[in-house]
Amino acid sequence: MAGEEYLVKGVTSGDTLLLLVPNKLPPVERTVTLAGVEVPKVARKTPVPTQDEPYGWEAREFVRKKLIGKPVTYHHEYTVDKVERNFGQITYGPQKENLAVALVAEGLAEPR
């Protein structure tokens, strides 16, 4: 499966990343969510605030420390139009490691 190259601009939770198309003006951003894994959620400050789930913060920090500002490849799998969310896989590093697999290996996610 061919993928698209991006830079990681932000990590909103352990399974959701804000990606930036490199060398593109004006900047083009894309928010993507990992497919195939269940990752604990980080609290959100919405009209109805939520609580951090156990290990949600650790999962977010694991991804942030590993990938912020780094190049990744996004492999799109599907889109849920109702919530305008793109799902797929993220690979990174010279060995093209899979982020979902790394989260599961660290005990920070469960496969679906």
PDB file of N, CA and C in Angstrom:
ATOM      1  N   MET A   1       0.852  -1.167   0.000  1.00  0.00           N
ATOM      2  CA  MET A   1       0.000   0.000   0.000  1.00  0.00           C
ATOM      3  C   MET A   1       0.900   1.233   0.000  1.00  0.00           C
ATOM      4  N   ALA A   2       0.753   2.067  -1.002  1.00  0.00           N
ATOM      5  CA  ALA A   2       1.545   3.296  -1.106  1.00  0.00           C
ATOM      6  C   ALA A   2       1.008   4.318  -0.119  1.00  0.00           C
ATOM      7  N   GLY A   3       1.874   5.163   0.351  1.00  0.00           N
ATOM      8  CA  GLY A   3       1.450   6.170   1.313  1.00  0.00           C
ATOM      9  C   GLY A   3       1.903   7.550   0.893  1.00  0.00           C
ATOM     10  N   GLU A   4       1.466   8.540   1.677  1.00  0.00           N
ATOM     11  CA  GLU A   4       1.834   9.926   1.434  1.00  0.00           C
ATOM     12  C   GLU A   4       2.770  10.392   2.540  1.00  0.00           C
ATOM     13  N   GLU A   5       3.778  11.192   2.163  1.00  0.00           N
ATOM     14  CA  GLU A   5       4.762  11.689   3.116  1.00  0.00           C
ATOM     15  C   GLU A   5       4.274  12.969   3.786  1.00  0.00           C
ATOM     16  N   TYR A   6       4.464  13.050   5.091  1.00  0.00           N
ATOM     17  CA  TYR A   6       4.074  14.211   5.890  1.00  0.00           C
ATOM     18  C   TYR A   6       5.111  14.458   6.977  1.00  0.00           C
ATOM     19  N   LEU A   7       4.977  15.612   7.637  1.00  0.00           N
ATOM     20  CA  LEU A   7       5.697  15.901   8.876  1.00  0.00           C
ATOM     21  C   LEU A   7       4.653  15.931   9.991  1.00  0.00           C
ATOM     22  N   VAL A   8       5.031  15.459  11.178  1.00  0.00           N
ATOM     23  CA  VAL A   8       4.102  15.477  12.305  1.00  0.00           C
ATOM     24  C   VAL A   8       4.165  16.851  12.957  1.00  0.00           C
ATOM     25  N   LYS A   9       3.055  17.567  12.897  1.00  0.00           N
ATOM     26  CA  LYS A   9       2.963  18.900  13.484  1.00  0.00           C
ATOM     27  C   LYS A   9       2.469  18.834  14.924  1.00  0.00           C
ATOM     28  N   GLY A  10       1.564  17.897  15.213  1.00  0.00           N
ATOM     29  CA  GLY A  10       1.012  17.803  16.554  1.00  0.00           C
ATOM     30  C   GLY A  10       0.441  16.429  16.832  1.00  0.00           C
ATOM     31  N   VAL A  11       0.266  16.152  18.124  1.00  0.00           N
ATOM     32  CA  VAL A  11      -0.312  14.889  18.570  1.00  0.00           C
ATOM     33  C   VAL A  11      -1.410  15.246  19.559  1.00  0.00           C
ATOM     34  N   THR A  12      -2.663  15.020  19.178  1.00  0.00           N
ATOM     35  CA  THR A  12      -3.770  15.389  20.056  1.00  0.00           C
ATOM     36  C   THR A  12      -4.125  14.277  21.035  1.00  0.00           C
ATOM     37  N   SER A  13      -3.855  13.037  20.654  1.00  0.00           N
ATOM     38  CA  SER A  13      -4.023  11.890  21.546  1.00  0.00           C
ATOM     39  C   SER A  13      -3.133  10.783  20.997  1.00  0.00           C
ATOM     40  N   GLY A  14      -3.114   9.653  21.697  1.00  0.00           N
ATOM     41  CA  GLY A  14      -2.234   8.570  21.267  1.00  0.00           C
ATOM     42  C   GLY A  14      -2.550   8.008  19.902  1.00  0.00           C
ATOM     43  N   ASP A  15      -3.768   8.255  19.408  1.00  0.00           N
ATOM     44  CA  ASP A  15      -4.141   7.721  18.095  1.00  0.00           C
ATOM     45  C   ASP A  15      -4.486   8.785  17.065  1.00  0.00           C
ATOM     46  N   THR A  16      -4.338  10.057  17.405  1.00  0.00           N
ATOM     47  CA  THR A  16      -4.711  11.126  16.476  1.00  0.00           C
ATOM     48  C   THR A  16      -3.567  12.119  16.324  1.00  0.00           C
ATOM     49  N   LEU A  17      -3.158  12.322  15.067  1.00  0.00           N
ATOM     50  CA  LEU A  17      -2.020  13.188  14.763  1.00  0.00           C
ATOM     51  C   LEU A  17      -2.420  14.272  13.777  1.00  0.00           C
ATOM     52  N   LEU A  18      -1.782  15.416  13.904  1.00  0.00           N
ATOM     53  CA  LEU A  18      -1.932  16.509  12.956  1.00  0.00           C
ATOM     54  C   LEU A  18      -0.700  16.482  12.060  1.00  0.00           C
ATOM     55  N   LEU A  19      -0.927  16.223  10.768  1.00  0.00           N
ATOM     56  CA  LEU A  19       0.163  16.091   9.813  1.00  0.00           C
ATOM     57  C   LEU A  19       0.230  17.310   8.909  1.00  0.00           C
ATOM     58  N   LEU A  20       1.425  17.611   8.454  1.00  0.00           N
ATOM     59  CA  LEU A  20       1.684  18.773   7.608  1.00  0.00           C
ATOM     60  C   LEU A  20       2.366  18.299   6.330  1.00  0.00           C
ATOM     61  N   VAL A  21       1.845  18.737   5.172  1.00  0.00           N
ATOM     62  CA  VAL A  21       2.493  18.414   3.903  1.00  0.00           C
ATOM     63  C   VAL A  21       3.793  19.210   3.850  1.00  0.00           C
ATOM     64  N   PRO A  22       4.943  18.542   3.703  1.00  0.00           N
ATOM     65  CA  PRO A  22       6.213  19.273   3.708  1.00  0.00           C
ATOM     66  C   PRO A  22       6.382  20.154   2.472  1.00  0.00           C
ATOM     67  N   ASN A  23       7.012  21.307   2.675  1.00  0.00           N
ATOM     68  CA  ASN A  23       7.377  22.232   1.589  1.00  0.00           C
ATOM     69  C   ASN A  23       6.193  22.675   0.741  1.00  0.00           C
ATOM     70  N   LYS A  24       5.060  22.896   1.363  1.00  0.00           N
ATOM     71  CA  LYS A  24       3.868  23.326   0.622  1.00  0.00           C
ATOM     72  C   LYS A  24       3.383  24.649   1.210  1.00  0.00           C
ATOM     73  N   LEU A  25       3.183  25.638   0.348  1.00  0.00           N
ATOM     74  CA  LEU A  25       2.645  26.930   0.771  1.00  0.00           C
ATOM     75  C   LEU A  25       1.407  27.234  -0.048  1.00  0.00           C
ATOM     76  N   PRO A  26       0.328  27.673   0.558  1.00  0.00           N
ATOM     77  CA  PRO A  26       0.152  27.781   1.999  1.00  0.00           C
ATOM     78  C   PRO A  26       0.167  26.387   2.630  1.00  0.00           C
ATOM     79  N   PRO A  27       0.445  26.319   3.948  1.00  0.00           N
ATOM     80  CA  PRO A  27       0.537  25.015   4.616  1.00  0.00           C
ATOM     81  C   PRO A  27      -0.744  24.198   4.463  1.00  0.00           C
ATOM     82  N   VAL A  28      -0.576  22.919   4.245  1.00  0.00           N
ATOM     83  CA  VAL A  28      -1.701  21.989   4.128  1.00  0.00           C
ATOM     84  C   VAL A  28      -1.599  21.009   5.283  1.00  0.00           C
ATOM     85  N   GLU A  29      -2.644  20.977   6.107  1.00  0.00           N
ATOM     86  CA  GLU A  29      -2.669  20.093   7.266  1.00  0.00           C
ATOM     87  C   GLU A  29      -3.713  19.006   7.078  1.00  0.00           C
ATOM     88  N   ARG A  30      -3.469  17.881   7.753  1.00  0.00           N
ATOM     89  CA  ARG A  30      -4.409  16.761   7.701  1.00  0.00           C
ATOM     90  C   ARG A  30      -4.417  16.089   9.069  1.00  0.00           C
ATOM     91  N   THR A  31      -5.608  15.933   9.651  1.00  0.00           N
ATOM     92  CA  THR A  31      -5.743  15.215  10.914  1.00  0.00           C
ATOM     93  C   THR A  31      -6.110  13.776  10.601  1.00  0.00           C
ATOM     94  N   VAL A  32      -5.343  12.844  11.182  1.00  0.00           N
ATOM     95  CA  VAL A  32      -5.581  11.424  10.915  1.00  0.00           C
ATOM     96  C   VAL A  32      -5.639  10.650  12.227  1.00  0.00           C
ATOM     97  N   THR A  33      -6.380   9.556  12.205  1.00  0.00           N
ATOM     98  CA  THR A  33      -6.528   8.678  13.358  1.00  0.00           C
ATOM     99  C   THR A  33      -6.069   7.279  12.967  1.00  0.00           C
ATOM    100  N   LEU A  34      -5.362   6.628  13.876  1.00  0.00           N
ATOM    101  CA  LEU A  34      -4.885   5.278  13.601  1.00  0.00           C
ATOM    102  C   LEU A  34      -6.055   4.308  13.497  1.00  0.00           C
ATOM    103  N   ALA A  35      -6.016   3.457  12.512  1.00  0.00           N
ATOM    104  CA  ALA A  35      -7.031   2.418  12.322  1.00  0.00           C
ATOM    105  C   ALA A  35      -6.543   1.130  12.982  1.00  0.00           C
ATOM    106  N   GLY A  36      -7.492   0.343  13.463  1.00  0.00           N
ATOM    107  CA  GLY A  36      -7.165  -0.992  13.942  1.00  0.00           C
ATOM    108  C   GLY A  36      -6.694  -1.105  15.374  1.00  0.00           C
ATOM    109  N   VAL A  37      -6.645   0.018  16.102  1.00  0.00           N
ATOM    110  CA  VAL A  37      -6.235  -0.037  17.508  1.00  0.00           C
ATOM    111  C   VAL A  37      -7.162   0.819  18.357  1.00  0.00           C
ATOM    112  N   GLU A  38      -7.282   0.437  19.608  1.00  0.00           N
ATOM    113  CA  GLU A  38      -8.029   1.206  20.596  1.00  0.00           C
ATOM    114  C   GLU A  38      -7.002   1.785  21.556  1.00  0.00           C
ATOM    115  N   VAL A  39      -6.904   3.115  21.578  1.00  0.00           N
ATOM    116  CA  VAL A  39      -5.927   3.814  22.408  1.00  0.00           C
ATOM    117  C   VAL A  39      -6.682   4.619  23.461  1.00  0.00           C
ATOM    118  N   PRO A  40      -6.223   4.608  24.726  1.00  0.00           N
ATOM    119  CA  PRO A  40      -6.898   5.405  25.748  1.00  0.00           C
ATOM    120  C   PRO A  40      -6.948   6.883  25.356  1.00  0.00           C
ATOM    121  N   LYS A  41      -8.031   7.534  25.698  1.00  0.00           N
ATOM    122  CA  LYS A  41      -8.258   8.933  25.308  1.00  0.00           C
ATOM    123  C   LYS A  41      -7.711   9.907  26.345  1.00  0.00           C
ATOM    124  N   VAL A  42      -7.315  11.083  25.854  1.00  0.00           N
ATOM    125  CA  VAL A  42      -6.894  12.196  26.693  1.00  0.00           C
ATOM    126  C   VAL A  42      -8.104  13.108  26.857  1.00  0.00           C
ATOM    127  N   ALA A  43      -8.254  13.701  28.044  1.00  0.00           N
ATOM    128  CA  ALA A  43      -9.398  14.573  28.316  1.00  0.00           C
ATOM    129  C   ALA A  43      -9.473  15.704  27.299  1.00  0.00           C
ATOM    130  N   ARG A  44     -10.715  16.094  26.987  1.00  0.00           N
ATOM    131  CA  ARG A  44     -10.945  17.219  26.074  1.00  0.00           C
ATOM    132  C   ARG A  44     -11.751  18.280  26.795  1.00  0.00           C
ATOM    133  N   LYS A  45     -11.471  19.520  26.447  1.00  0.00           N
ATOM    134  CA  LYS A  45     -12.208  20.646  27.030  1.00  0.00           C
ATOM    135  C   LYS A  45     -13.314  21.059  26.069  1.00  0.00           C
ATOM    136  N   THR A  46     -14.344  20.249  26.027  1.00  0.00           N
ATOM    137  CA  THR A  46     -15.494  20.493  25.165  1.00  0.00           C
ATOM    138  C   THR A  46     -16.630  21.028  26.032  1.00  0.00           C
ATOM    139  N   PRO A  47     -17.780  21.361  25.440  1.00  0.00           N
ATOM    140  CA  PRO A  47     -18.910  21.799  26.277  1.00  0.00           C
ATOM    141  C   PRO A  47     -19.215  20.811  27.410  1.00  0.00           C
ATOM    142  N   VAL A  48     -18.978  19.526  27.150  1.00  0.00           N
ATOM    143  CA  VAL A  48     -19.101  18.515  28.197  1.00  0.00           C
ATOM    144  C   VAL A  48     -17.700  17.932  28.396  1.00  0.00           C
ATOM    145  N   PRO A  49     -16.932  18.466  29.358  1.00  0.00           N
ATOM    146  CA  PRO A  49     -15.539  18.018  29.538  1.00  0.00           C
ATOM    147  C   PRO A  49     -15.459  16.510  29.806  1.00  0.00           C
ATOM    148  N   THR A  50     -14.370  15.913  29.350  1.00  0.00           N
ATOM    149  CA  THR A  50     -14.143  14.490  29.570  1.00  0.00           C
ATOM    150  C   THR A  50     -12.937  14.321  30.493  1.00  0.00           C
ATOM    151  N   GLN A  51     -12.739  13.117  30.970  1.00  0.00           N
ATOM    152  CA  GLN A  51     -11.615  12.779  31.843  1.00  0.00           C
ATOM    153  C   GLN A  51     -10.578  11.998  31.042  1.00  0.00           C
ATOM    154  N   ASP A  52      -9.312  12.097  31.475  1.00  0.00           N
ATOM    155  CA  ASP A  52      -8.283  11.231  30.899  1.00  0.00           C
ATOM    156  C   ASP A  52      -8.628   9.782  31.221  1.00  0.00           C
ATOM    157  N   GLU A  53      -8.505   8.909  30.223  1.00  0.00           N
ATOM    158  CA  GLU A  53      -8.607   7.482  30.490  1.00  0.00           C
ATOM    159  C   GLU A  53      -7.247   7.014  30.986  1.00  0.00           C
ATOM    160  N   PRO A  54      -7.200   5.923  31.777  1.00  0.00           N
ATOM    161  CA  PRO A  54      -5.897   5.437  32.239  1.00  0.00           C
ATOM    162  C   PRO A  54      -4.951   5.195  31.064  1.00  0.00           C
ATOM    163  N   TYR A  55      -3.739   5.712  31.173  1.00  0.00           N
ATOM    164  CA  TYR A  55      -2.659   5.617  30.194  1.00  0.00           C
ATOM    165  C   TYR A  55      -2.887   6.447  28.930  1.00  0.00           C
ATOM    166  N   GLY A  56      -3.928   7.263  28.918  1.00  0.00           N
ATOM    167  CA  GLY A  56      -4.155   8.139  27.763  1.00  0.00           C
ATOM    168  C   GLY A  56      -3.025   9.144  27.596  1.00  0.00           C
ATOM    169  N   TRP A  57      -2.629   9.768  28.703  1.00  0.00           N
ATOM    170  CA  TRP A  57      -1.536  10.755  28.651  1.00  0.00           C
ATOM    171  C   TRP A  57      -0.227  10.085  28.245  1.00  0.00           C
ATOM    172  N   GLU A  58       0.041   8.895  28.796  1.00  0.00           N
ATOM    173  CA  GLU A  58       1.274   8.176  28.458  1.00  0.00           C
ATOM    174  C   GLU A  58       1.315   7.808  26.978  1.00  0.00           C
ATOM    175  N   ALA A  59       0.175   7.396  26.423  1.00  0.00           N
ATOM    176  CA  ALA A  59       0.121   7.055  24.994  1.00  0.00           C
ATOM    177  C   ALA A  59       0.397   8.290  24.140  1.00  0.00           C
ATOM    178  N   ARG A  60      -0.216   9.417  24.512  1.00  0.00           N
ATOM    179  CA  ARG A  60       0.005  10.666  23.770  1.00  0.00           C
ATOM    180  C   ARG A  60       1.473  11.073  23.822  1.00  0.00           C
ATOM    181  N   GLU A  61       2.061  11.032  25.000  1.00  0.00           N
ATOM    182  CA  GLU A  61       3.462  11.432  25.155  1.00  0.00           C
ATOM    183  C   GLU A  61       4.404  10.480  24.428  1.00  0.00           C
ATOM    184  N   PHE A  62       4.091   9.195  24.411  1.00  0.00           N
ATOM    185  CA  PHE A  62       4.891   8.215  23.671  1.00  0.00           C
ATOM    186  C   PHE A  62       4.971   8.608  22.196  1.00  0.00           C
ATOM    187  N   VAL A  63       3.808   8.927  21.625  1.00  0.00           N
ATOM    188  CA  VAL A  63       3.761   9.303  20.207  1.00  0.00           C
ATOM    189  C   VAL A  63       4.427  10.664  19.998  1.00  0.00           C
ATOM    190  N   ARG A  64       4.139  11.625  20.863  1.00  0.00           N
ATOM    191  CA  ARG A  64       4.704  12.968  20.715  1.00  0.00           C
ATOM    192  C   ARG A  64       6.230  12.942  20.755  1.00  0.00           C
ATOM    193  N   LYS A  65       6.797  12.268  21.743  1.00  0.00           N
ATOM    194  CA  LYS A  65       8.258  12.219  21.876  1.00  0.00           C
ATOM    195  C   LYS A  65       8.915  11.504  20.702  1.00  0.00           C
ATOM    196  N   LYS A  66       8.234  10.519  20.176  1.00  0.00           N
ATOM    197  CA  LYS A  66       8.794   9.726  19.077  1.00  0.00           C
ATOM    198  C   LYS A  66       8.688  10.430  17.719  1.00  0.00           C
ATOM    199  N   LEU A  67       7.599  11.207  17.498  1.00  0.00           N
ATOM    200  CA  LEU A  67       7.323  11.651  16.131  1.00  0.00           C
ATOM    201  C   LEU A  67       7.199  13.150  15.894  1.00  0.00           C
ATOM    202  N   ILE A  68       7.051  13.975  16.919  1.00  0.00           N
ATOM    203  CA  ILE A  68       6.819  15.404  16.660  1.00  0.00           C
ATOM    204  C   ILE A  68       7.972  15.994  15.838  1.00  0.00           C
ATOM    205  N   GLY A  69       7.614  16.677  14.749  1.00  0.00           N
ATOM    206  CA  GLY A  69       8.605  17.287  13.869  1.00  0.00           C
ATOM    207  C   GLY A  69       9.313  16.327  12.933  1.00  0.00           C
ATOM    208  N   LYS A  70       8.925  15.060  12.963  1.00  0.00           N
ATOM    209  CA  LYS A  70       9.607  14.033  12.154  1.00  0.00           C
ATOM    210  C   LYS A  70       8.769  13.648  10.935  1.00  0.00           C
ATOM    211  N   PRO A  71       9.433  13.152   9.899  1.00  0.00           N
ATOM    212  CA  PRO A  71       8.695  12.683   8.720  1.00  0.00           C
ATOM    213  C   PRO A  71       8.033  11.336   8.988  1.00  0.00           C
ATOM    214  N   VAL A  72       6.839  11.164   8.451  1.00  0.00           N
ATOM    215  CA  VAL A  72       6.102   9.901   8.536  1.00  0.00           C
ATOM    216  C   VAL A  72       5.435   9.639   7.188  1.00  0.00           C
ATOM    217  N   THR A  73       4.990   8.420   7.021  1.00  0.00           N
ATOM    218  CA  THR A  73       4.193   8.057   5.849  1.00  0.00           C
ATOM    219  C   THR A  73       2.814   7.665   6.341  1.00  0.00           C
ATOM    220  N   TYR A  74       1.792   8.284   5.753  1.00  0.00           N
ATOM    221  CA  TYR A  74       0.406   7.978   6.105  1.00  0.00           C
ATOM    222  C   TYR A  74      -0.192   7.108   5.014  1.00  0.00           C
ATOM    223  N   HIS A  75      -0.748   5.966   5.414  1.00  0.00           N
ATOM    224  CA  HIS A  75      -1.389   5.015   4.506  1.00  0.00           C
ATOM    225  C   HIS A  75      -2.892   5.061   4.785  1.00  0.00           C
ATOM    226  N   HIS A  76      -3.633   5.756   3.940  1.00  0.00           N
ATOM    227  CA  HIS A  76      -5.074   5.942   4.144  1.00  0.00           C
ATOM    228  C   HIS A  76      -5.817   4.623   3.962  1.00  0.00           C
ATOM    229  N   GLU A  77      -6.742   4.335   4.903  1.00  0.00           N
ATOM    230  CA  GLU A  77      -7.567   3.130   4.807  1.00  0.00           C
ATOM    231  C   GLU A  77      -9.026   3.471   4.528  1.00  0.00           C
ATOM    232  N   TYR A  78      -9.587   4.424   5.307  1.00  0.00           N
ATOM    233  CA  TYR A  78     -10.987   4.781   5.087  1.00  0.00           C
ATOM    234  C   TYR A  78     -11.294   6.121   5.743  1.00  0.00           C
ATOM    235  N   THR A  79     -12.431   6.702   5.364  1.00  0.00           N
ATOM    236  CA  THR A  79     -12.910   7.959   5.935  1.00  0.00           C
ATOM    237  C   THR A  79     -14.312   7.748   6.476  1.00  0.00           C
ATOM    238  N   VAL A  80     -14.578   8.321   7.641  1.00  0.00           N
ATOM    239  CA  VAL A  80     -15.937   8.332   8.184  1.00  0.00           C
ATOM    240  C   VAL A  80     -16.462   9.740   7.927  1.00  0.00           C
ATOM    241  N   ASP A  81     -17.289   9.860   6.901  1.00  0.00           N
ATOM    242  CA  ASP A  81     -17.776  11.172   6.471  1.00  0.00           C
ATOM    243  C   ASP A  81     -18.585  11.883   7.547  1.00  0.00           C
ATOM    244  N   LYS A  82     -19.359  11.130   8.308  1.00  0.00           N
ATOM    245  CA  LYS A  82     -20.238  11.730   9.315  1.00  0.00           C
ATOM    246  C   LYS A  82     -19.454  12.581  10.318  1.00  0.00           C
ATOM    247  N   VAL A  83     -18.256  12.142  10.673  1.00  0.00           N
ATOM    248  CA  VAL A  83     -17.421  12.894  11.621  1.00  0.00           C
ATOM    249  C   VAL A  83     -16.199  13.506  10.933  1.00  0.00           C
ATOM    250  N   GLU A  84     -16.149  13.397   9.609  1.00  0.00           N
ATOM    251  CA  GLU A  84     -15.052  13.948   8.803  1.00  0.00           C
ATOM    252  C   GLU A  84     -13.693  13.535   9.358  1.00  0.00           C
ATOM    253  N   ARG A  85     -13.512  12.221   9.553  1.00  0.00           N
ATOM    254  CA  ARG A  85     -12.280  11.707  10.124  1.00  0.00           C
ATOM    255  C   ARG A  85     -11.652  10.685   9.185  1.00  0.00           C
ATOM    256  N   ASN A  86     -10.333  10.827   8.978  1.00  0.00           N
ATOM    257  CA  ASN A  86      -9.568   9.912   8.139  1.00  0.00           C
ATOM    258  C   ASN A  86      -8.847   8.900   9.017  1.00  0.00           C
ATOM    259  N   PHE A  87      -8.929   7.630   8.642  1.00  0.00           N
ATOM    260  CA  PHE A  87      -8.288   6.556   9.392  1.00  0.00           C
ATOM    261  C   PHE A  87      -7.261   5.856   8.514  1.00  0.00           C
ATOM    262  N   GLY A  88      -6.165   5.421   9.128  1.00  0.00           N
ATOM    263  CA  GLY A  88      -5.143   4.704   8.388  1.00  0.00           C
ATOM    264  C   GLY A  88      -3.989   4.321   9.288  1.00  0.00           C
ATOM    265  N   GLN A  89      -2.874   4.000   8.664  1.00  0.00           N
ATOM    266  CA  GLN A  89      -1.671   3.599   9.386  1.00  0.00           C
ATOM    267  C   GLN A  89      -0.578   4.642   9.186  1.00  0.00           C
ATOM    268  N   ILE A  90       0.264   4.780  10.205  1.00  0.00           N
ATOM    269  CA  ILE A  90       1.418   5.674  10.152  1.00  0.00           C
ATOM    270  C   ILE A  90       2.665   4.812  10.264  1.00  0.00           C
ATOM    271  N   THR A  91       3.591   5.001   9.335  1.00  0.00           N
ATOM    272  CA  THR A  91       4.895   4.349   9.448  1.00  0.00           C
ATOM    273  C   THR A  91       5.957   5.439   9.554  1.00  0.00           C
ATOM    274  N   TYR A  92       7.080   5.097  10.204  1.00  0.00           N
ATOM    275  CA  TYR A  92       8.108   6.097  10.476  1.00  0.00           C
ATOM    276  C   TYR A  92       9.484   5.426  10.575  1.00  0.00           C
ATOM    277  N   GLY A  93      10.496   6.264  10.478  1.00  0.00           N
ATOM    278  CA  GLY A  93      11.872   5.797  10.649  1.00  0.00           C
ATOM    279  C   GLY A  93      12.399   5.032   9.457  1.00  0.00           C
ATOM    280  N   PRO A  94      13.694   4.750   9.489  1.00  0.00           N
ATOM    281  CA  PRO A  94      14.319   4.055   8.347  1.00  0.00           C
ATOM    282  C   PRO A  94      13.777   2.636   8.130  1.00  0.00           C
ATOM    283  N   GLN A  95      13.278   2.023   9.221  1.00  0.00           N
ATOM    284  CA  GLN A  95      12.730   0.665   9.099  1.00  0.00           C
ATOM    285  C   GLN A  95      11.238   0.666   8.791  1.00  0.00           C
ATOM    286  N   LYS A  96      10.659   1.879   8.629  1.00  0.00           N
ATOM    287  CA  LYS A  96       9.216   2.026   8.371  1.00  0.00           C
ATOM    288  C   LYS A  96       8.398   1.273   9.420  1.00  0.00           C
ATOM    289  N   GLU A  97       8.696   1.563  10.702  1.00  0.00           N
ATOM    290  CA  GLU A  97       7.962   0.963  11.809  1.00  0.00           C
ATOM    291  C   GLU A  97       6.514   1.448  11.789  1.00  0.00           C
ATOM    292  N   ASN A  98       5.596   0.580  12.200  1.00  0.00           N
ATOM    293  CA  ASN A  98       4.182   0.904  12.234  1.00  0.00           C
ATOM    294  C   ASN A  98       3.836   1.453  13.622  1.00  0.00           C
ATOM    295  N   LEU A  99       3.256   2.654  13.673  1.00  0.00           N
ATOM    296  CA  LEU A  99       2.945   3.292  14.943  1.00  0.00           C
ATOM    297  C   LEU A  99       1.941   2.485  15.758  1.00  0.00           C
ATOM    298  N   ALA A 100       0.920   1.937  15.136  1.00  0.00           N
ATOM    299  CA  ALA A 100      -0.073   1.143  15.860  1.00  0.00           C
ATOM    300  C   ALA A 100       0.581  -0.069  16.515  1.00  0.00           C
ATOM    301  N   VAL A 101       1.466  -0.726  15.805  1.00  0.00           N
ATOM    302  CA  VAL A 101       2.174  -1.895  16.351  1.00  0.00           C
ATOM    303  C   VAL A 101       3.057  -1.477  17.519  1.00  0.00           C
ATOM    304  N   ALA A 102       3.723  -0.320  17.406  1.00  0.00           N
ATOM    305  CA  ALA A 102       4.587   0.169  18.488  1.00  0.00           C
ATOM    306  C   ALA A 102       3.762   0.475  19.739  1.00  0.00           C
ATOM    307  N   LEU A 103       2.586   1.078  19.575  1.00  0.00           N
ATOM    308  CA  LEU A 103       1.717   1.375  20.724  1.00  0.00           C
ATOM    309  C   LEU A 103       1.253   0.088  21.406  1.00  0.00           C
ATOM    310  N   VAL A 104       0.881  -0.913  20.636  1.00  0.00           N
ATOM    311  CA  VAL A 104       0.459  -2.189  21.203  1.00  0.00           C
ATOM    312  C   VAL A 104       1.637  -2.843  21.931  1.00  0.00           C
ATOM    313  N   ALA A 105       2.824  -2.829  21.324  1.00  0.00           N
ATOM    314  CA  ALA A 105       4.015  -3.431  21.930  1.00  0.00           C
ATOM    315  C   ALA A 105       4.376  -2.771  23.259  1.00  0.00           C
ATOM    316  N   GLU A 106       4.110  -1.478  23.387  1.00  0.00           N
ATOM    317  CA  GLU A 106       4.387  -0.737  24.620  1.00  0.00           C
ATOM    318  C   GLU A 106       3.281  -0.909  25.661  1.00  0.00           C
ATOM    319  N   GLY A 107       2.210  -1.596  25.300  1.00  0.00           N
ATOM    320  CA  GLY A 107       1.092  -1.794  26.219  1.00  0.00           C
ATOM    321  C   GLY A 107       0.205  -0.559  26.327  1.00  0.00           C
ATOM    322  N   LEU A 108       0.277   0.345  25.347  1.00  0.00           N
ATOM    323  CA  LEU A 108      -0.484   1.587  25.371  1.00  0.00           C
ATOM    324  C   LEU A 108      -1.701   1.558  24.450  1.00  0.00           C
ATOM    325  N   ALA A 109      -1.946   0.429  23.793  1.00  0.00           N
ATOM    326  CA  ALA A 109      -3.094   0.289  22.894  1.00  0.00           C
ATOM    327  C   ALA A 109      -3.469  -1.189  22.809  1.00  0.00           C
ATOM    328  N   GLU A 110      -4.699  -1.425  22.399  1.00  0.00           N
ATOM    329  CA  GLU A 110      -5.210  -2.770  22.171  1.00  0.00           C
ATOM    330  C   GLU A 110      -5.614  -2.903  20.714  1.00  0.00           C
ATOM    331  N   PRO A 111      -5.272  -4.010  20.063  1.00  0.00           N
ATOM    332  CA  PRO A 111      -5.749  -4.205  18.685  1.00  0.00           C
ATOM    333  C   PRO A 111      -7.259  -4.361  18.659  1.00  0.00           C
ATOM    334  N   ARG A 112      -7.889  -3.875  17.581  1.00  0.00           N
ATOM    335  CA  ARG A 112      -9.348  -4.051  17.420  1.00  0.00           C
ATOM    336  C   ARG A 112      -9.607  -5.308  16.666  1.00  0.00           C
TER     337      ARG A 112
END
